[in-house]
Amino acid sequence: MQGDSPPTEAAAHFGRLVEESLPGRRGEQAWRALLQAHATLMRQLDTDLRADTGLRLSDFDVLAQLAEAGGELRMTELAARTLLSRSGLTRRVARLVEEGFLRRANAAEDGRGVVVALTDAGVARVTETLPVHLRGVSQLFIARLDDQELAVLETALRNVVVDCTFG
């Protein structure tokens, strides 16, 4: 049986692969910064929202997407807006239905699709939670950047959005 490679060999091999795939390592640090910013911001926003309201960030996102859309959406549209897989969204919606924040019904147009709608309790929950969430977004993200940085970041990130479905 072969022995394990020393860590220095693994690091050198990794470095060569990165260099081959990203000549001059162009963009590597920007990519790492994006991943780190996204992961740490989402983790902190989730932690703070749970501590202040008891609601998970992903549950809040479902409620907020529905509120922004006028209170109801087909499951497929809700999945696209929340960037969740259909199975992940199905479980999340089932829990929110159980908690009384949402209701599900067959789509009136074709009877095959499923429509998810906010209940009065769901509207109350998102109304109570939105200011807490936006305070976190403001403190952790917006306040740390000036207007020019925000504009450049928005433009840059819109340039790399990939059109895909989360299934």
C-alpha atoms as a PDB file:
ATOM      1  CA  MET A   1       0.000   0.000   0.000  1.00  0.00           C
ATOM      2  CA  GLN A   2       1.288   3.441  -0.873  1.00  0.00           C
ATOM      3  CA  GLY A   3       2.110   5.938   1.838  1.00  0.00           C
ATOM      4  CA  ASP A   4       0.594   9.366   2.037  1.00  0.00           C
ATOM      5  CA  SER A   5       2.358  12.251   0.295  1.00  0.00           C
ATOM      6  CA  PRO A   6       3.985  14.794   2.570  1.00  0.00           C
ATOM      7  CA  PRO A   7       1.935  18.003   2.994  1.00  0.00           C
ATOM      8  CA  THR A   8       4.502  20.032   1.075  1.00  0.00           C
ATOM      9  CA  GLU A   9       4.063  17.796  -1.988  1.00  0.00           C
ATOM     10  CA  ALA A  10       0.284  18.123  -1.788  1.00  0.00           C
ATOM     11  CA  ALA A  11       0.569  21.910  -1.496  1.00  0.00           C
ATOM     12  CA  ALA A  12       2.936  22.076  -4.465  1.00  0.00           C
ATOM     13  CA  HIS A  13       0.645  19.861  -6.546  1.00  0.00           C
ATOM     14  CA  PHE A  14      -2.359  22.010  -5.586  1.00  0.00           C
ATOM     15  CA  GLY A  15      -0.442  25.163  -6.518  1.00  0.00           C
ATOM     16  CA  ARG A  16       0.456  23.735  -9.945  1.00  0.00           C
ATOM     17  CA  LEU A  17      -3.181  22.789 -10.621  1.00  0.00           C
ATOM     18  CA  VAL A  18      -4.374  26.274  -9.667  1.00  0.00           C
ATOM     19  CA  GLU A  19      -1.705  27.884 -11.856  1.00  0.00           C
ATOM     20  CA  GLU A  20      -2.699  25.679 -14.829  1.00  0.00           C
ATOM     21  CA  SER A  21      -6.375  26.474 -14.412  1.00  0.00           C
ATOM     22  CA  LEU A  22      -5.953  30.155 -13.558  1.00  0.00           C
ATOM     23  CA  PRO A  23      -2.891  31.450 -15.421  1.00  0.00           C
ATOM     24  CA  GLY A  24      -1.096  33.926 -13.222  1.00  0.00           C
ATOM     25  CA  ARG A  25      -3.699  32.989 -10.600  1.00  0.00           C
ATOM     26  CA  ARG A  26      -5.795  35.832 -12.046  1.00  0.00           C
ATOM     27  CA  GLY A  27      -8.933  36.362 -10.006  1.00  0.00           C
ATOM     28  CA  GLU A  28      -8.141  33.755  -7.361  1.00  0.00           C
ATOM     29  CA  GLN A  29      -8.047  36.226  -4.483  1.00  0.00           C
ATOM     30  CA  ALA A  30     -11.243  37.958  -5.633  1.00  0.00           C
ATOM     31  CA  TRP A  31     -12.983  34.571  -5.813  1.00  0.00           C
ATOM     32  CA  ARG A  32     -11.780  33.609  -2.334  1.00  0.00           C
ATOM     33  CA  ALA A  33     -12.889  36.984  -0.955  1.00  0.00           C
ATOM     34  CA  LEU A  34     -16.359  36.534  -2.490  1.00  0.00           C
ATOM     35  CA  LEU A  35     -16.713  33.050  -0.965  1.00  0.00           C
ATOM     36  CA  GLN A  36     -15.497  34.209   2.437  1.00  0.00           C
ATOM     37  CA  ALA A  37     -17.717  37.311   2.430  1.00  0.00           C
ATOM     38  CA  HIS A  38     -20.793  35.335   1.423  1.00  0.00           C
ATOM     39  CA  ALA A  39     -20.224  32.536   3.936  1.00  0.00           C
ATOM     40  CA  THR A  40     -19.429  34.797   6.878  1.00  0.00           C
ATOM     41  CA  LEU A  41     -22.186  37.316   6.163  1.00  0.00           C
ATOM     42  CA  MET A  42     -24.857  34.621   5.762  1.00  0.00           C
ATOM     43  CA  ARG A  43     -23.671  32.837   8.904  1.00  0.00           C
ATOM     44  CA  GLN A  44     -23.717  36.046  10.970  1.00  0.00           C
ATOM     45  CA  LEU A  45     -27.066  37.230   9.581  1.00  0.00           C
ATOM     46  CA  ASP A  46     -28.562  33.806  10.377  1.00  0.00           C
ATOM     47  CA  THR A  47     -27.083  33.777  13.896  1.00  0.00           C
ATOM     48  CA  ASP A  48     -28.296  37.301  14.648  1.00  0.00           C
ATOM     49  CA  LEU A  49     -31.773  36.752  13.190  1.00  0.00           C
ATOM     50  CA  ARG A  50     -32.226  33.528  15.157  1.00  0.00           C
ATOM     51  CA  ALA A  51     -31.052  35.212  18.375  1.00  0.00           C
ATOM     52  CA  ASP A  52     -33.313  38.250  17.920  1.00  0.00           C
ATOM     53  CA  THR A  53     -36.423  36.635  16.413  1.00  0.00           C
ATOM     54  CA  GLY A  54     -36.076  32.845  16.598  1.00  0.00           C
ATOM     55  CA  LEU A  55     -36.449  32.619  12.809  1.00  0.00           C
ATOM     56  CA  ARG A  56     -33.833  31.058  10.524  1.00  0.00           C
ATOM     57  CA  LEU A  57     -32.511  33.227   7.712  1.00  0.00           C
ATOM     58  CA  SER A  58     -33.612  30.682   5.105  1.00  0.00           C
ATOM     59  CA  ASP A  59     -37.164  30.644   6.534  1.00  0.00           C
ATOM     60  CA  PHE A  60     -37.191  34.431   6.569  1.00  0.00           C
ATOM     61  CA  ASP A  61     -36.088  34.413   2.915  1.00  0.00           C
ATOM     62  CA  VAL A  62     -39.090  32.277   1.937  1.00  0.00           C
ATOM     63  CA  LEU A  63     -41.488  34.581   3.800  1.00  0.00           C
ATOM     64  CA  ALA A  64     -39.823  37.728   2.417  1.00  0.00           C
ATOM     65  CA  GLN A  65     -39.863  36.471  -1.188  1.00  0.00           C
ATOM     66  CA  LEU A  66     -43.577  35.752  -0.876  1.00  0.00           C
ATOM     67  CA  ALA A  67     -44.261  39.146   0.705  1.00  0.00           C
ATOM     68  CA  GLU A  68     -42.320  40.948  -2.014  1.00  0.00           C
ATOM     69  CA  ALA A  69     -44.276  39.042  -4.689  1.00  0.00           C
ATOM     70  CA  GLY A  70     -47.631  40.107  -3.265  1.00  0.00           C
ATOM     71  CA  GLY A  71     -48.222  37.199  -0.898  1.00  0.00           C
ATOM     72  CA  GLU A  72     -48.195  34.121  -3.127  1.00  0.00           C
ATOM     73  CA  LEU A  73     -46.120  32.298  -5.716  1.00  0.00           C
ATOM     74  CA  ARG A  74     -45.993  28.963  -7.487  1.00  0.00           C
ATOM     75  CA  MET A  75     -43.469  26.626  -5.877  1.00  0.00           C
ATOM     76  CA  THR A  76     -41.274  26.678  -8.995  1.00  0.00           C
ATOM     77  CA  GLU A  77     -41.058  30.479  -8.928  1.00  0.00           C
ATOM     78  CA  LEU A  78     -40.431  30.500  -5.182  1.00  0.00           C
ATOM     79  CA  ALA A  79     -37.601  27.981  -5.625  1.00  0.00           C
ATOM     80  CA  ALA A  80     -35.991  30.201  -8.270  1.00  0.00           C
ATOM     81  CA  ARG A  81     -36.248  33.288  -6.076  1.00  0.00           C
ATOM     82  CA  THR A  82     -34.880  31.620  -2.951  1.00  0.00           C
ATOM     83  CA  LEU A  83     -32.153  29.737  -4.831  1.00  0.00           C
ATOM     84  CA  LEU A  84     -33.159  26.517  -3.099  1.00  0.00           C
ATOM     85  CA  SER A  85     -33.529  23.098  -4.630  1.00  0.00           C
ATOM     86  CA  ARG A  86     -37.105  21.925  -5.073  1.00  0.00           C
ATOM     87  CA  SER A  87     -36.680  19.262  -2.403  1.00  0.00           C
ATOM     88  CA  GLY A  88     -35.090  21.734   0.016  1.00  0.00           C
ATOM     89  CA  LEU A  89     -37.880  24.212  -0.571  1.00  0.00           C
ATOM     90  CA  THR A  90     -40.542  21.512  -0.187  1.00  0.00           C
ATOM     91  CA  ARG A  91     -39.230  20.623   3.283  1.00  0.00           C
ATOM     92  CA  ARG A  92     -38.911  24.271   4.297  1.00  0.00           C
ATOM     93  CA  VAL A  93     -42.421  25.124   3.073  1.00  0.00           C
ATOM     94  CA  ALA A  94     -43.852  22.061   4.848  1.00  0.00           C
ATOM     95  CA  ARG A  95     -42.338  23.282   8.127  1.00  0.00           C
ATOM     96  CA  LEU A  96     -43.632  26.835   7.590  1.00  0.00           C
ATOM     97  CA  VAL A  97     -47.114  25.454   6.792  1.00  0.00           C
ATOM     98  CA  GLU A  98     -46.950  23.418   9.995  1.00  0.00           C
ATOM     99  CA  GLU A  99     -46.013  26.568  11.933  1.00  0.00           C
ATOM    100  CA  GLY A 100     -48.996  28.401  10.422  1.00  0.00           C
ATOM    101  CA  PHE A 101     -47.029  30.953   8.380  1.00  0.00           C
ATOM    102  CA  LEU A 102     -47.918  29.564   4.943  1.00  0.00           C
ATOM    103  CA  ARG A 103     -50.677  27.662   3.178  1.00  0.00           C
ATOM    104  CA  ARG A 104     -50.439  25.482   0.086  1.00  0.00           C
ATOM    105  CA  ALA A 105     -53.024  24.963  -2.638  1.00  0.00           C
ATOM    106  CA  ASN A 106     -53.211  23.593  -6.156  1.00  0.00           C
ATOM    107  CA  ALA A 107     -52.842  26.259  -8.822  1.00  0.00           C
ATOM    108  CA  ALA A 108     -56.242  27.378 -10.086  1.00  0.00           C
ATOM    109  CA  GLU A 109     -55.034  27.711 -13.708  1.00  0.00           C
ATOM    110  CA  ASP A 110     -53.976  24.129 -14.305  1.00  0.00           C
ATOM    111  CA  GLY A 111     -54.465  22.195 -11.074  1.00  0.00           C
ATOM    112  CA  ARG A 112     -51.018  20.605 -11.453  1.00  0.00           C
ATOM    113  CA  GLY A 113     -48.858  23.317  -9.938  1.00  0.00           C
ATOM    114  CA  VAL A 114     -48.702  24.206  -6.277  1.00  0.00           C
ATOM    115  CA  VAL A 115     -49.172  27.744  -5.027  1.00  0.00           C
ATOM    116  CA  VAL A 116     -47.757  28.834  -1.685  1.00  0.00           C
ATOM    117  CA  ALA A 117     -49.252  31.830   0.101  1.00  0.00           C
ATOM    118  CA  LEU A 118     -48.571  33.774   3.260  1.00  0.00           C
ATOM    119  CA  THR A 119     -51.129  33.471   6.039  1.00  0.00           C
ATOM    120  CA  ASP A 120     -51.945  36.392   8.317  1.00  0.00           C
ATOM    121  CA  ALA A 121     -49.477  34.908  10.810  1.00  0.00           C
ATOM    122  CA  GLY A 122     -46.849  34.748   8.047  1.00  0.00           C
ATOM    123  CA  VAL A 123     -47.405  38.393   7.158  1.00  0.00           C
ATOM    124  CA  ALA A 124     -47.087  39.325  10.834  1.00  0.00           C
ATOM    125  CA  ARG A 125     -43.897  37.238  11.170  1.00  0.00           C
ATOM    126  CA  VAL A 126     -42.182  38.777   8.140  1.00  0.00           C
ATOM    127  CA  THR A 127     -43.303  42.272   9.222  1.00  0.00           C
ATOM    128  CA  GLU A 128     -41.758  41.735  12.656  1.00  0.00           C
ATOM    129  CA  THR A 129     -38.564  40.170  11.282  1.00  0.00           C
ATOM    130  CA  LEU A 130     -37.771  42.401   8.286  1.00  0.00           C
ATOM    131  CA  PRO A 131     -36.473  45.413  10.262  1.00  0.00           C
ATOM    132  CA  VAL A 132     -34.192  43.143  12.321  1.00  0.00           C
ATOM    133  CA  HIS A 133     -32.785  41.527   9.176  1.00  0.00           C
ATOM    134  CA  LEU A 134     -32.281  44.814   7.344  1.00  0.00           C
ATOM    135  CA  ARG A 135     -30.549  46.306  10.381  1.00  0.00           C
ATOM    136  CA  GLY A 136     -28.073  43.414  10.151  1.00  0.00           C
ATOM    137  CA  VAL A 137     -27.618  43.882   6.392  1.00  0.00           C
ATOM    138  CA  SER A 138     -27.012  47.579   6.967  1.00  0.00           C
ATOM    139  CA  GLN A 139     -24.481  47.084   9.784  1.00  0.00           C
ATOM    140  CA  LEU A 140     -22.598  44.123   8.348  1.00  0.00           C
ATOM    141  CA  PHE A 141     -22.583  45.086   4.664  1.00  0.00           C
ATOM    142  CA  ILE A 142     -23.894  48.468   3.538  1.00  0.00           C
ATOM    143  CA  ALA A 143     -22.251  50.604   6.248  1.00  0.00           C
ATOM    144  CA  ARG A 144     -18.827  49.106   5.471  1.00  0.00           C
ATOM    145  CA  LEU A 145     -18.855  50.292   1.851  1.00  0.00           C
ATOM    146  CA  ASP A 146     -19.187  53.748   0.331  1.00  0.00           C
ATOM    147  CA  ASP A 147     -21.636  54.518  -2.477  1.00  0.00           C
ATOM    148  CA  GLN A 148     -19.031  54.059  -5.200  1.00  0.00           C
ATOM    149  CA  GLU A 149     -17.951  50.673  -3.816  1.00  0.00           C
ATOM    150  CA  LEU A 150     -21.577  49.563  -3.627  1.00  0.00           C
ATOM    151  CA  ALA A 151     -22.189  50.573  -7.250  1.00  0.00           C
ATOM    152  CA  VAL A 152     -19.017  48.860  -8.516  1.00  0.00           C
ATOM    153  CA  LEU A 153     -19.797  45.717  -6.512  1.00  0.00           C
ATOM    154  CA  GLU A 154     -23.363  45.573  -7.818  1.00  0.00           C
ATOM    155  CA  THR A 155     -22.209  45.944 -11.429  1.00  0.00           C
ATOM    156  CA  ALA A 156     -19.418  43.404 -11.042  1.00  0.00           C
ATOM    157  CA  LEU A 157     -21.626  40.791  -9.394  1.00  0.00           C
ATOM    158  CA  ARG A 158     -24.424  41.239 -11.952  1.00  0.00           C
ATOM    159  CA  ASN A 159     -21.819  40.462 -14.637  1.00  0.00           C
ATOM    160  CA  VAL A 160     -21.196  37.014 -13.152  1.00  0.00           C
ATOM    161  CA  VAL A 161     -24.744  35.910 -12.331  1.00  0.00           C
ATOM    162  CA  VAL A 162     -25.343  32.554 -13.983  1.00  0.00           C
ATOM    163  CA  ASP A 163     -28.790  31.754 -15.352  1.00  0.00           C
ATOM    164  CA  CYS A 164     -29.677  28.355 -13.956  1.00  0.00           C
ATOM    165  CA  THR A 165     -32.388  26.512 -12.130  1.00  0.00           C
ATOM    166  CA  PHE A 166     -31.834  24.979  -8.745  1.00  0.00           C
ATOM    167  CA  GLY A 167     -33.337  21.528  -8.978  1.00  0.00           C
END
